[in-house]
Amino acid sequence: MRKVRLGKSGPEVSAMGLGCMGMSISYGTPDDAESVATIHRALDLGANLIVTSDAYGAGVNEALVGRALKGRRSEAMVATKFGNLALAGGGGAGALTGGHPDYVPQACEKSLKMLGMDVIDIYGLHRVDATMPIEDTVGAMKRLVEQGKVRYLQLSEAGPETLRRANKVHPIVALETEYSLWSRDVEQGILPVCRELGVTFMAYAPLGRGFLTATMKTLDALIPTDRRRDHPRFLAENINKNSNLLKSIETMAAARGITAAQIALAWLAAQGADIVPIPGTKRRKYLEQNCAALDIKLSADEVKRLSDAFPLNVTAGTRYPEKQLKALGI
């Protein structure tokens, strides 16, 4: 698989990574055996960027990743994150906030233990802490690099000025934020700044949390406990409107004899070599399809047709519930 360098001086990683959150929480029913097999298959295919967080099941997902990489640690570039206390179920009265400098080393030690590793390749701030200067948080993260516990630093869902300030403290090799055909707002603000600073963009939810696969056009496609039922874009009044957007993807996919998901990923890959999609899956079948999308080259006309079909802000509903939107640093 084609490799790209994260940032100006970061590591080489696969041009497409594997998001692991859904293996443990939020989407569908966990299947640890198939998830481990999927991680192994990713490595076999050269997809070495394995992405997790301490917030995915309060360390459960990190532990799963750690088990999967036993005996194959050298083949992977492991990216994990900290500081999303709302998702992790932590915090509370008197507790340190997610970006507090004293919390950073505590979180790192927990992640190292859950992963069963001596060093984290790429360590990221999952959500910017509005109560703490970003310089203080990144300063604490920088000390982890100096101590040899972390190799490189990234941020997630940070705004343009926050990224600028953070990058002055220590090089940020990647910014992990949602980006797909139905979530294009980063094109106006954060993506240009990433390119100005030489920060690679890691696009999470590049398939719109599965919606752009064109396999979930109604709520009936989601089990009762699926977290997407709480997301505005999947509410009944919005999912019906959004399903109309899929026609352009489905038509193009049918003409090429490939899947809608592959069309959506190929469009994202066409936005620049500095964009690394990290679609999540817990099944080898979908992983293989996702990785194959890197070999699909869309024509300029096809890219334009898709972009025109999904103009900025066309999607009905916000990408997170209101409470989660307030936690984003953008």
C-alpha atoms as a PDB file:
ATOM      1  CA  MET A   1       0.000   0.000   0.000  1.00  0.00           C
ATOM      2  CA  ARG A   2       1.135   3.517  -0.781  1.00  0.00           C
ATOM      3  CA  LYS A   3       2.758   5.309   2.157  1.00  0.00           C
ATOM      4  CA  VAL A   4       2.619   8.969   3.174  1.00  0.00           C
ATOM      5  CA  ARG A   5       4.576  10.958   5.729  1.00  0.00           C
ATOM      6  CA  LEU A   6       2.658  12.504   8.604  1.00  0.00           C
ATOM      7  CA  GLY A   7       3.560  16.151   8.892  1.00  0.00           C
ATOM      8  CA  LYS A   8       6.939  17.532   7.924  1.00  0.00           C
ATOM      9  CA  SER A   9       8.970  15.173  10.073  1.00  0.00           C
ATOM     10  CA  GLY A  10       6.581  12.472  11.232  1.00  0.00           C
ATOM     11  CA  PRO A  11       6.518   8.753  10.479  1.00  0.00           C
ATOM     12  CA  GLU A  12       5.586   7.068   7.235  1.00  0.00           C
ATOM     13  CA  VAL A  13       2.148   5.470   7.444  1.00  0.00           C
ATOM     14  CA  SER A  14      -0.234   3.798   5.045  1.00  0.00           C
ATOM     15  CA  ALA A  15      -2.297   6.133   2.869  1.00  0.00           C
ATOM     16  CA  MET A  16      -5.367   4.654   4.531  1.00  0.00           C
ATOM     17  CA  GLY A  17      -5.639   3.686   8.188  1.00  0.00           C
ATOM     18  CA  LEU A  18      -7.983   1.544  10.243  1.00  0.00           C
ATOM     19  CA  GLY A  19     -10.275   3.164  12.796  1.00  0.00           C
ATOM     20  CA  CYS A  20     -10.972   0.742  15.641  1.00  0.00           C
ATOM     21  CA  MET A  21     -13.677   2.444  17.734  1.00  0.00           C
ATOM     22  CA  GLY A  22     -16.576   0.476  16.272  1.00  0.00           C
ATOM     23  CA  MET A  23     -14.896  -2.777  17.220  1.00  0.00           C
ATOM     24  CA  SER A  24     -15.765  -2.096  20.851  1.00  0.00           C
ATOM     25  CA  ILE A  25     -18.480   0.557  21.187  1.00  0.00           C
ATOM     26  CA  SER A  26     -21.224   2.561  19.502  1.00  0.00           C
ATOM     27  CA  TYR A  27     -21.919   0.639  16.300  1.00  0.00           C
ATOM     28  CA  GLY A  28     -23.485  -2.814  16.110  1.00  0.00           C
ATOM     29  CA  THR A  29     -22.433  -5.778  18.228  1.00  0.00           C
ATOM     30  CA  PRO A  30     -18.755  -6.337  19.137  1.00  0.00           C
ATOM     31  CA  ASP A  31     -16.986  -9.393  17.741  1.00  0.00           C
ATOM     32  CA  ASP A  32     -13.488  -9.489  19.215  1.00  0.00           C
ATOM     33  CA  ALA A  33     -12.300 -12.484  17.191  1.00  0.00           C
ATOM     34  CA  GLU A  34     -13.270 -10.911  13.878  1.00  0.00           C
ATOM     35  CA  SER A  35     -11.903  -7.549  15.015  1.00  0.00           C
ATOM     36  CA  VAL A  36      -8.498  -9.065  15.796  1.00  0.00           C
ATOM     37  CA  ALA A  37      -8.569 -10.840  12.440  1.00  0.00           C
ATOM     38  CA  THR A  38      -9.389  -7.520  10.773  1.00  0.00           C
ATOM     39  CA  ILE A  39      -6.412  -5.798  12.397  1.00  0.00           C
ATOM     40  CA  HIS A  40      -4.176  -8.672  11.272  1.00  0.00           C
ATOM     41  CA  ARG A  41      -5.549  -8.412   7.745  1.00  0.00           C
ATOM     42  CA  ALA A  42      -4.882  -4.668   7.740  1.00  0.00           C
ATOM     43  CA  LEU A  43      -1.242  -5.321   8.527  1.00  0.00           C
ATOM     44  CA  ASP A  44      -1.103  -7.993   5.815  1.00  0.00           C
ATOM     45  CA  LEU A  45      -2.359  -5.422   3.308  1.00  0.00           C
ATOM     46  CA  GLY A  46       0.155  -2.821   4.470  1.00  0.00           C
ATOM     47  CA  ALA A  47      -2.416  -0.675   6.270  1.00  0.00           C
ATOM     48  CA  ASN A  48      -0.221  -0.051   9.278  1.00  0.00           C
ATOM     49  CA  LEU A  49      -1.971   2.995  10.811  1.00  0.00           C
ATOM     50  CA  ILE A  50      -4.112   1.574  13.638  1.00  0.00           C
ATOM     51  CA  VAL A  51      -6.240   4.222  15.364  1.00  0.00           C
ATOM     52  CA  THR A  52      -7.839   3.972  18.814  1.00  0.00           C
ATOM     53  CA  SER A  53      -8.473   6.071  21.955  1.00  0.00           C
ATOM     54  CA  ASP A  54      -8.705   5.608  25.702  1.00  0.00           C
ATOM     55  CA  ALA A  55     -12.299   6.836  25.404  1.00  0.00           C
ATOM     56  CA  TYR A  56     -13.431   3.882  23.307  1.00  0.00           C
ATOM     57  CA  GLY A  57     -14.903   1.758  26.066  1.00  0.00           C
ATOM     58  CA  ALA A  58     -12.704   3.269  28.807  1.00  0.00           C
ATOM     59  CA  GLY A  59      -9.620   1.493  27.504  1.00  0.00           C
ATOM     60  CA  VAL A  60     -11.394  -1.640  26.238  1.00  0.00           C
ATOM     61  CA  ASN A  61     -10.566  -0.827  22.626  1.00  0.00           C
ATOM     62  CA  GLU A  62      -6.929  -0.080  23.436  1.00  0.00           C
ATOM     63  CA  ALA A  63      -6.685  -3.459  25.143  1.00  0.00           C
ATOM     64  CA  LEU A  64      -8.179  -5.134  22.065  1.00  0.00           C
ATOM     65  CA  VAL A  65      -5.670  -3.402  19.806  1.00  0.00           C
ATOM     66  CA  GLY A  66      -2.858  -4.404  22.132  1.00  0.00           C
ATOM     67  CA  ARG A  67      -3.893  -8.061  22.040  1.00  0.00           C
ATOM     68  CA  ALA A  68      -4.166  -8.000  18.266  1.00  0.00           C
ATOM     69  CA  LEU A  69      -0.666  -6.549  17.884  1.00  0.00           C
ATOM     70  CA  LYS A  70       1.131  -9.018  20.142  1.00  0.00           C
ATOM     71  CA  GLY A  71       3.905 -10.469  18.023  1.00  0.00           C
ATOM     72  CA  ARG A  72       3.288  -7.896  15.269  1.00  0.00           C
ATOM     73  CA  ARG A  73       3.976  -4.633  17.096  1.00  0.00           C
ATOM     74  CA  SER A  74       6.785  -3.603  14.748  1.00  0.00           C
ATOM     75  CA  GLU A  75       4.430  -3.718  11.758  1.00  0.00           C
ATOM     76  CA  ALA A  76       2.034  -1.121  13.144  1.00  0.00           C
ATOM     77  CA  MET A  77       1.956   2.598  13.765  1.00  0.00           C
ATOM     78  CA  VAL A  78      -0.385   2.924  16.740  1.00  0.00           C
ATOM     79  CA  ALA A  79      -2.296   6.158  17.254  1.00  0.00           C
ATOM     80  CA  THR A  80      -4.267   6.632  20.443  1.00  0.00           C
ATOM     81  CA  LYS A  81      -5.802   9.645  22.130  1.00  0.00           C
ATOM     82  CA  PHE A  82      -6.757  11.033  25.537  1.00  0.00           C
ATOM     83  CA  GLY A  83      -8.860  13.816  26.998  1.00  0.00           C
ATOM     84  CA  ASN A  84     -12.359  12.991  25.749  1.00  0.00           C
ATOM     85  CA  LEU A  85     -13.710  12.575  29.256  1.00  0.00           C
ATOM     86  CA  ALA A  86     -17.330  12.916  28.209  1.00  0.00           C
ATOM     87  CA  LEU A  87     -17.113   9.806  26.040  1.00  0.00           C
ATOM     88  CA  ALA A  88     -14.841   7.991  28.473  1.00  0.00           C
ATOM     89  CA  GLY A  89     -17.238   8.571  31.368  1.00  0.00           C
ATOM     90  CA  GLY A  90     -14.587  10.246  33.518  1.00  0.00           C
ATOM     91  CA  GLY A  91     -14.267  13.688  35.042  1.00  0.00           C
ATOM     92  CA  GLY A  92     -16.684  14.933  37.637  1.00  0.00           C
ATOM     93  CA  ALA A  93     -16.434  17.340  40.556  1.00  0.00           C
ATOM     94  CA  GLY A  94     -12.873  17.854  41.719  1.00  0.00           C
ATOM     95  CA  ALA A  95     -11.348  15.740  38.933  1.00  0.00           C
ATOM     96  CA  LEU A  96      -8.629  16.991  36.612  1.00  0.00           C
ATOM     97  CA  THR A  97      -9.881  18.146  33.231  1.00  0.00           C
ATOM     98  CA  GLY A  98      -8.914  16.268  30.068  1.00  0.00           C
ATOM     99  CA  GLY A  99      -6.278  18.759  28.981  1.00  0.00           C
ATOM    100  CA  HIS A 100      -4.777  19.509  32.401  1.00  0.00           C
ATOM    101  CA  PRO A 101      -0.975  19.127  32.304  1.00  0.00           C
ATOM    102  CA  ASP A 102      -1.087  16.862  35.350  1.00  0.00           C
ATOM    103  CA  TYR A 103      -3.663  14.623  33.692  1.00  0.00           C
ATOM    104  CA  VAL A 104      -1.651  14.103  30.501  1.00  0.00           C
ATOM    105  CA  PRO A 105       1.031  11.758  31.968  1.00  0.00           C
ATOM    106  CA  GLN A 106      -1.627   9.887  33.955  1.00  0.00           C
ATOM    107  CA  ALA A 107      -3.612   9.229  30.802  1.00  0.00           C
ATOM    108  CA  CYS A 108      -0.499   8.165  28.930  1.00  0.00           C
ATOM    109  CA  GLU A 109       0.476   5.630  31.582  1.00  0.00           C
ATOM    110  CA  LYS A 110      -3.029   4.135  31.479  1.00  0.00           C
ATOM    111  CA  SER A 111      -2.929   3.851  27.701  1.00  0.00           C
ATOM    112  CA  LEU A 112       0.506   2.228  27.737  1.00  0.00           C
ATOM    113  CA  LYS A 113      -0.790  -0.306  30.229  1.00  0.00           C
ATOM    114  CA  MET A 114      -3.983  -1.039  28.293  1.00  0.00           C
ATOM    115  CA  LEU A 115      -2.070  -1.367  25.020  1.00  0.00           C
ATOM    116  CA  GLY A 116       0.647  -3.460  26.656  1.00  0.00           C
ATOM    117  CA  MET A 117       3.302  -1.323  24.987  1.00  0.00           C
ATOM    118  CA  ASP A 118       6.386   0.632  26.001  1.00  0.00           C
ATOM    119  CA  VAL A 119       5.816   3.532  23.632  1.00  0.00           C
ATOM    120  CA  ILE A 120       2.910   5.080  21.716  1.00  0.00           C
ATOM    121  CA  ASP A 121       3.730   5.988  18.127  1.00  0.00           C
ATOM    122  CA  ILE A 122       1.244   8.863  17.741  1.00  0.00           C
ATOM    123  CA  TYR A 123      -0.382  10.387  20.820  1.00  0.00           C
ATOM    124  CA  GLY A 124      -3.245  12.801  20.431  1.00  0.00           C
ATOM    125  CA  LEU A 125      -5.507  15.135  22.346  1.00  0.00           C
ATOM    126  CA  HIS A 126      -8.967  13.730  21.607  1.00  0.00           C
ATOM    127  CA  ARG A 127     -10.867  16.906  22.475  1.00  0.00           C
ATOM    128  CA  VAL A 128      -9.476  20.372  23.181  1.00  0.00           C
ATOM    129  CA  ASP A 129      -9.965  21.393  26.809  1.00  0.00           C
ATOM    130  CA  ALA A 130     -11.641  24.810  26.815  1.00  0.00           C
ATOM    131  CA  THR A 131     -10.556  25.397  30.426  1.00  0.00           C
ATOM    132  CA  MET A 132      -6.857  24.963  29.725  1.00  0.00           C
ATOM    133  CA  PRO A 133      -4.469  26.850  27.403  1.00  0.00           C
ATOM    134  CA  ILE A 134      -3.515  24.537  24.561  1.00  0.00           C
ATOM    135  CA  GLU A 135       0.114  25.485  25.156  1.00  0.00           C
ATOM    136  CA  ASP A 136      -0.036  23.906  28.621  1.00  0.00           C
ATOM    137  CA  THR A 137      -1.584  20.673  27.351  1.00  0.00           C
ATOM    138  CA  VAL A 138       0.796  20.289  24.421  1.00  0.00           C
ATOM    139  CA  GLY A 139       3.684  21.230  26.681  1.00  0.00           C
ATOM    140  CA  ALA A 140       2.859  18.226  28.854  1.00  0.00           C
ATOM    141  CA  MET A 141       2.544  16.053  25.746  1.00  0.00           C
ATOM    142  CA  LYS A 142       5.949  17.301  24.582  1.00  0.00           C
ATOM    143  CA  ARG A 143       7.469  16.077  27.850  1.00  0.00           C
ATOM    144  CA  LEU A 144       6.176  12.593  27.053  1.00  0.00           C
ATOM    145  CA  VAL A 145       8.117  12.720  23.782  1.00  0.00           C
ATOM    146  CA  GLU A 146      11.234  13.805  25.648  1.00  0.00           C
ATOM    147  CA  GLN A 147      10.749  10.901  28.077  1.00  0.00           C
ATOM    148  CA  GLY A 148      10.506   8.398  25.226  1.00  0.00           C
ATOM    149  CA  LYS A 149       6.933   7.351  26.030  1.00  0.00           C
ATOM    150  CA  VAL A 150       5.482   8.936  22.899  1.00  0.00           C
ATOM    151  CA  ARG A 151       7.027   9.413  19.447  1.00  0.00           C
ATOM    152  CA  TYR A 152       4.792  11.971  17.704  1.00  0.00           C
ATOM    153  CA  LEU A 153       1.887  14.272  18.582  1.00  0.00           C
ATOM    154  CA  GLN A 154      -1.496  14.895  16.995  1.00  0.00           C
ATOM    155  CA  LEU A 155      -4.701  16.785  17.800  1.00  0.00           C
ATOM    156  CA  SER A 156      -8.328  15.908  17.135  1.00  0.00           C
ATOM    157  CA  GLU A 157     -11.155  18.332  16.316  1.00  0.00           C
ATOM    158  CA  ALA A 158      -9.020  21.420  16.966  1.00  0.00           C
ATOM    159  CA  GLY A 159      -9.719  24.771  15.326  1.00  0.00           C
ATOM    160  CA  PRO A 160      -7.279  26.679  13.101  1.00  0.00           C
ATOM    161  CA  GLU A 161      -5.857  29.025  15.757  1.00  0.00           C
ATOM    162  CA  THR A 162      -5.624  26.241  18.325  1.00  0.00           C
ATOM    163  CA  LEU A 163      -3.611  24.209  15.836  1.00  0.00           C
ATOM    164  CA  ARG A 164      -1.309  27.149  15.134  1.00  0.00           C
ATOM    165  CA  ARG A 165      -0.641  27.712  18.838  1.00  0.00           C
ATOM    166  CA  ALA A 166      -0.114  24.019  19.524  1.00  0.00           C
ATOM    167  CA  ASN A 167       2.310  23.640  16.635  1.00  0.00           C
ATOM    168  CA  LYS A 168       4.502  26.395  18.059  1.00  0.00           C
ATOM    169  CA  VAL A 169       5.004  24.360  21.235  1.00  0.00           C
ATOM    170  CA  HIS A 170       5.819  21.101  19.468  1.00  0.00           C
ATOM    171  CA  PRO A 171       5.374  19.858  15.881  1.00  0.00           C
ATOM    172  CA  ILE A 172       1.887  18.423  15.344  1.00  0.00           C
ATOM    173  CA  VAL A 173       2.154  15.736  12.675  1.00  0.00           C
ATOM    174  CA  ALA A 174      -1.568  15.173  12.148  1.00  0.00           C
ATOM    175  CA  LEU A 175      -5.002  16.573  12.835  1.00  0.00           C
ATOM    176  CA  GLU A 176      -7.772  13.995  13.170  1.00  0.00           C
ATOM    177  CA  THR A 177     -11.180  15.430  12.324  1.00  0.00           C
ATOM    178  CA  GLU A 178     -14.332  14.286  10.549  1.00  0.00           C
ATOM    179  CA  TYR A 179     -14.278  14.727   6.770  1.00  0.00           C
ATOM    180  CA  SER A 180     -16.391  13.128   4.073  1.00  0.00           C
ATOM    181  CA  LEU A 181     -18.760  14.010   1.269  1.00  0.00           C
ATOM    182  CA  TRP A 182     -21.448  14.885   3.797  1.00  0.00           C
ATOM    183  CA  SER A 183     -19.091  16.658   6.255  1.00  0.00           C
ATOM    184  CA  ARG A 184     -17.095  19.164   4.217  1.00  0.00           C
ATOM    185  CA  ASP A 185     -16.923  22.138   6.594  1.00  0.00           C
ATOM    186  CA  VAL A 186     -13.171  21.582   7.216  1.00  0.00           C
ATOM    187  CA  GLU A 187     -12.475  22.744   3.671  1.00  0.00           C
ATOM    188  CA  GLN A 188     -13.209  26.339   4.670  1.00  0.00           C
ATOM    189  CA  GLY A 189     -11.161  26.637   7.835  1.00  0.00           C
ATOM    190  CA  ILE A 190      -8.948  23.937   9.251  1.00  0.00           C
ATOM    191  CA  LEU A 191      -7.774  22.168   6.086  1.00  0.00           C
ATOM    192  CA  PRO A 192      -6.088  25.250   4.596  1.00  0.00           C
ATOM    193  CA  VAL A 193      -4.263  25.835   7.896  1.00  0.00           C
ATOM    194  CA  CYS A 194      -3.127  22.200   8.010  1.00  0.00           C
ATOM    195  CA  ARG A 195      -1.613  22.682   4.575  1.00  0.00           C
ATOM    196  CA  GLU A 196      -0.022  25.972   5.556  1.00  0.00           C
ATOM    197  CA  LEU A 197       1.643  24.341   8.570  1.00  0.00           C
ATOM    198  CA  GLY A 198       2.445  21.027   6.886  1.00  0.00           C
ATOM    199  CA  VAL A 199       0.112  19.034   9.151  1.00  0.00           C
ATOM    200  CA  THR A 200      -1.395  15.883   7.647  1.00  0.00           C
ATOM    201  CA  PHE A 201      -5.167  15.581   7.834  1.00  0.00           C
ATOM    202  CA  MET A 202      -6.462  12.264   9.201  1.00  0.00           C
ATOM    203  CA  ALA A 203     -10.095  12.015   8.116  1.00  0.00           C
ATOM    204  CA  TYR A 204     -12.239  10.056  10.539  1.00  0.00           C
ATOM    205  CA  ALA A 205     -15.775   8.935   9.665  1.00  0.00           C
ATOM    206  CA  PRO A 206     -14.906   9.210   5.937  1.00  0.00           C
ATOM    207  CA  LEU A 207     -17.975   7.097   5.177  1.00  0.00           C
ATOM    208  CA  GLY A 208     -20.317   9.291   7.205  1.00  0.00           C
ATOM    209  CA  ARG A 209     -20.518   6.716  10.013  1.00  0.00           C
ATOM    210  CA  GLY A 210     -21.589   4.162   7.447  1.00  0.00           C
ATOM    211  CA  PHE A 211     -24.246   6.292   5.776  1.00  0.00           C
ATOM    212  CA  LEU A 212     -22.232   6.780   2.573  1.00  0.00           C
ATOM    213  CA  THR A 213     -22.133   3.012   2.057  1.00  0.00           C
ATOM    214  CA  ALA A 214     -25.786   3.422   0.948  1.00  0.00           C
ATOM    215  CA  THR A 215     -26.783   0.467   3.110  1.00  0.00           C
ATOM    216  CA  MET A 216     -28.602   2.329   5.900  1.00  0.00           C
ATOM    217  CA  LYS A 217     -31.274   4.553   4.434  1.00  0.00           C
ATOM    218  CA  THR A 218     -33.690   4.163   7.350  1.00  0.00           C
ATOM    219  CA  LEU A 219     -33.389   3.738  11.099  1.00  0.00           C
ATOM    220  CA  ASP A 220     -34.424   0.105  10.673  1.00  0.00           C
ATOM    221  CA  ALA A 221     -30.855  -0.587   9.555  1.00  0.00           C
ATOM    222  CA  LEU A 222     -29.567   0.217  13.064  1.00  0.00           C
ATOM    223  CA  ILE A 223     -29.954  -1.989  16.128  1.00  0.00           C
ATOM    224  CA  PRO A 224     -31.745  -0.319  19.085  1.00  0.00           C
ATOM    225  CA  THR A 225     -28.509   0.315  20.992  1.00  0.00           C
ATOM    226  CA  ASP A 226     -26.596   1.802  18.052  1.00  0.00           C
ATOM    227  CA  ARG A 227     -25.280   5.252  19.039  1.00  0.00           C
ATOM    228  CA  ARG A 228     -26.078   6.673  15.630  1.00  0.00           C
ATOM    229  CA  ARG A 229     -29.744   6.756  16.646  1.00  0.00           C
ATOM    230  CA  ASP A 230     -28.814   9.755  18.823  1.00  0.00           C
ATOM    231  CA  HIS A 231     -27.088  11.610  15.988  1.00  0.00           C
ATOM    232  CA  PRO A 232     -29.244  14.294  14.330  1.00  0.00           C
ATOM    233  CA  ARG A 233     -28.344  13.173  10.809  1.00  0.00           C
ATOM    234  CA  PHE A 234     -29.811   9.750  11.503  1.00  0.00           C
ATOM    235  CA  LEU A 235     -33.080  10.986  12.996  1.00  0.00           C
ATOM    236  CA  ALA A 236     -36.100   9.908  10.957  1.00  0.00           C
ATOM    237  CA  GLU A 237     -36.857  13.381   9.628  1.00  0.00           C
ATOM    238  CA  ASN A 238     -33.261  13.833   8.444  1.00  0.00           C
ATOM    239  CA  ILE A 239     -32.186  10.395   7.266  1.00  0.00           C
ATOM    240  CA  ASN A 240     -34.970  10.367   4.699  1.00  0.00           C
ATOM    241  CA  LYS A 241     -33.757  13.676   3.233  1.00  0.00           C
ATOM    242  CA  ASN A 242     -30.126  12.585   3.337  1.00  0.00           C
ATOM    243  CA  SER A 243     -30.900   9.328   1.555  1.00  0.00           C
ATOM    244  CA  ASN A 244     -31.742  11.347  -1.553  1.00  0.00           C
ATOM    245  CA  LEU A 245     -28.115  12.492  -1.668  1.00  0.00           C
ATOM    246  CA  LEU A 246     -26.908   8.942  -2.192  1.00  0.00           C
ATOM    247  CA  LYS A 247     -28.215   8.636  -5.747  1.00  0.00           C
ATOM    248  CA  SER A 248     -25.113  10.231  -7.265  1.00  0.00           C
ATOM    249  CA  ILE A 249     -22.807   7.826  -5.417  1.00  0.00           C
ATOM    250  CA  GLU A 250     -24.904   4.769  -6.220  1.00  0.00           C
ATOM    251  CA  THR A 251     -25.150   5.667  -9.910  1.00  0.00           C
ATOM    252  CA  MET A 252     -21.402   6.134 -10.212  1.00  0.00           C
ATOM    253  CA  ALA A 253     -20.677   2.953  -8.260  1.00  0.00           C
ATOM    254  CA  ALA A 254     -23.026   0.905 -10.442  1.00  0.00           C
ATOM    255  CA  ALA A 255     -21.412   2.257 -13.606  1.00  0.00           C
ATOM    256  CA  ARG A 256     -17.973   1.247 -12.356  1.00  0.00           C
ATOM    257  CA  GLY A 257     -19.023  -2.053 -10.796  1.00  0.00           C
ATOM    258  CA  ILE A 258     -17.769  -1.098  -7.335  1.00  0.00           C
ATOM    259  CA  THR A 259     -19.369  -0.177  -4.007  1.00  0.00           C
ATOM    260  CA  ALA A 260     -20.765   3.168  -2.923  1.00  0.00           C
ATOM    261  CA  ALA A 261     -18.276   3.156  -0.049  1.00  0.00           C
ATOM    262  CA  GLN A 262     -15.391   2.872  -2.485  1.00  0.00           C
ATOM    263  CA  ILE A 263     -16.687   5.827  -4.480  1.00  0.00           C
ATOM    264  CA  ALA A 264     -16.919   7.937  -1.314  1.00  0.00           C
ATOM    265  CA  LEU A 265     -13.385   7.002  -0.254  1.00  0.00           C
ATOM    266  CA  ALA A 266     -11.998   7.571  -3.741  1.00  0.00           C
ATOM    267  CA  TRP A 267     -13.511  11.071  -3.712  1.00  0.00           C
ATOM    268  CA  LEU A 268     -11.808  11.807  -0.400  1.00  0.00           C
ATOM    269  CA  ALA A 269      -8.476  10.467  -1.617  1.00  0.00           C
ATOM    270  CA  ALA A 270      -8.801  12.773  -4.634  1.00  0.00           C
ATOM    271  CA  GLN A 271      -8.878  15.825  -2.335  1.00  0.00           C
ATOM    272  CA  GLY A 272      -5.136  15.575  -1.739  1.00  0.00           C
ATOM    273  CA  ALA A 273      -2.245  13.269  -0.910  1.00  0.00           C
ATOM    274  CA  ASP A 274      -2.035  14.955   2.501  1.00  0.00           C
ATOM    275  CA  ILE A 275      -5.399  13.463   3.519  1.00  0.00           C
ATOM    276  CA  VAL A 276      -5.342  10.036   5.158  1.00  0.00           C
ATOM    277  CA  PRO A 277      -8.791   8.444   5.541  1.00  0.00           C
ATOM    278  CA  ILE A 278      -9.214   6.210   8.591  1.00  0.00           C
ATOM    279  CA  PRO A 279     -12.486   4.344   7.969  1.00  0.00           C
ATOM    280  CA  GLY A 280     -13.558   2.121  10.808  1.00  0.00           C
ATOM    281  CA  THR A 281     -14.695  -1.467  10.468  1.00  0.00           C
ATOM    282  CA  LYS A 282     -14.575  -4.703  12.423  1.00  0.00           C
ATOM    283  CA  ARG A 283     -14.927  -6.966   9.394  1.00  0.00           C
ATOM    284  CA  ARG A 284     -12.204  -8.116   7.004  1.00  0.00           C
ATOM    285  CA  LYS A 285     -14.573  -7.943   4.029  1.00  0.00           C
ATOM    286  CA  TYR A 286     -15.132  -4.207   4.412  1.00  0.00           C
ATOM    287  CA  LEU A 287     -11.499  -3.521   5.280  1.00  0.00           C
ATOM    288  CA  GLU A 288     -10.430  -5.109   1.995  1.00  0.00           C
ATOM    289  CA  GLN A 289     -12.987  -3.073   0.057  1.00  0.00           C
ATOM    290  CA  ASN A 290     -11.866   0.124   1.788  1.00  0.00           C
ATOM    291  CA  CYS A 291      -8.193  -0.476   1.063  1.00  0.00           C
ATOM    292  CA  ALA A 292      -8.964  -1.285  -2.583  1.00  0.00           C
ATOM    293  CA  ALA A 293     -10.541   2.167  -2.908  1.00  0.00           C
ATOM    294  CA  LEU A 294      -7.039   3.662  -2.955  1.00  0.00           C
ATOM    295  CA  ASP A 295      -6.545   2.123  -6.395  1.00  0.00           C
ATOM    296  CA  ILE A 296      -9.704   3.739  -7.787  1.00  0.00           C
ATOM    297  CA  LYS A 297      -8.921   6.912  -9.684  1.00  0.00           C
ATOM    298  CA  LEU A 298     -11.862   9.196 -10.309  1.00  0.00           C
ATOM    299  CA  SER A 299     -11.783  11.541 -13.267  1.00  0.00           C
ATOM    300  CA  ALA A 300     -11.910  15.278 -12.680  1.00  0.00           C
ATOM    301  CA  ASP A 301     -15.475  15.231 -13.983  1.00  0.00           C
ATOM    302  CA  GLU A 302     -16.476  12.478 -11.553  1.00  0.00           C
ATOM    303  CA  VAL A 303     -14.939  14.338  -8.630  1.00  0.00           C
ATOM    304  CA  LYS A 304     -16.809  17.486  -9.625  1.00  0.00           C
ATOM    305  CA  ARG A 305     -20.112  15.660 -10.029  1.00  0.00           C
ATOM    306  CA  LEU A 306     -19.827  14.222  -6.541  1.00  0.00           C
ATOM    307  CA  SER A 307     -18.769  17.554  -5.058  1.00  0.00           C
ATOM    308  CA  ASP A 308     -21.700  19.271  -6.757  1.00  0.00           C
ATOM    309  CA  ALA A 309     -24.086  16.621  -5.422  1.00  0.00           C
ATOM    310  CA  PHE A 310     -22.796  17.183  -1.868  1.00  0.00           C
ATOM    311  CA  PRO A 311     -22.256  20.951  -1.570  1.00  0.00           C
ATOM    312  CA  LEU A 312     -21.182  22.425   1.734  1.00  0.00           C
ATOM    313  CA  ASN A 313     -23.910  22.232   4.410  1.00  0.00           C
ATOM    314  CA  VAL A 314     -26.323  20.231   2.241  1.00  0.00           C
ATOM    315  CA  THR A 315     -26.655  17.478   4.849  1.00  0.00           C
ATOM    316  CA  ALA A 316     -29.778  17.592   7.022  1.00  0.00           C
ATOM    317  CA  GLY A 317     -28.858  17.622  10.713  1.00  0.00           C
ATOM    318  CA  THR A 318     -25.655  18.410  12.591  1.00  0.00           C
ATOM    319  CA  ARG A 319     -22.899  15.807  12.740  1.00  0.00           C
ATOM    320  CA  TYR A 320     -23.112  15.460  16.530  1.00  0.00           C
ATOM    321  CA  PRO A 321     -25.826  16.009  19.137  1.00  0.00           C
ATOM    322  CA  GLU A 322     -25.773  19.531  20.605  1.00  0.00           C
ATOM    323  CA  LYS A 323     -23.930  18.567  23.803  1.00  0.00           C
ATOM    324  CA  GLN A 324     -21.108  16.923  21.844  1.00  0.00           C
ATOM    325  CA  LEU A 325     -20.911  19.798  19.394  1.00  0.00           C
ATOM    326  CA  LYS A 326     -20.151  22.145  22.290  1.00  0.00           C
ATOM    327  CA  ALA A 327     -17.166  19.971  23.216  1.00  0.00           C
ATOM    328  CA  LEU A 328     -15.542  20.383  19.804  1.00  0.00           C
ATOM    329  CA  GLY A 329     -12.679  22.846  19.639  1.00  0.00           C
ATOM    330  CA  ILE A 330     -13.683  24.297  16.275  1.00  0.00           C
END
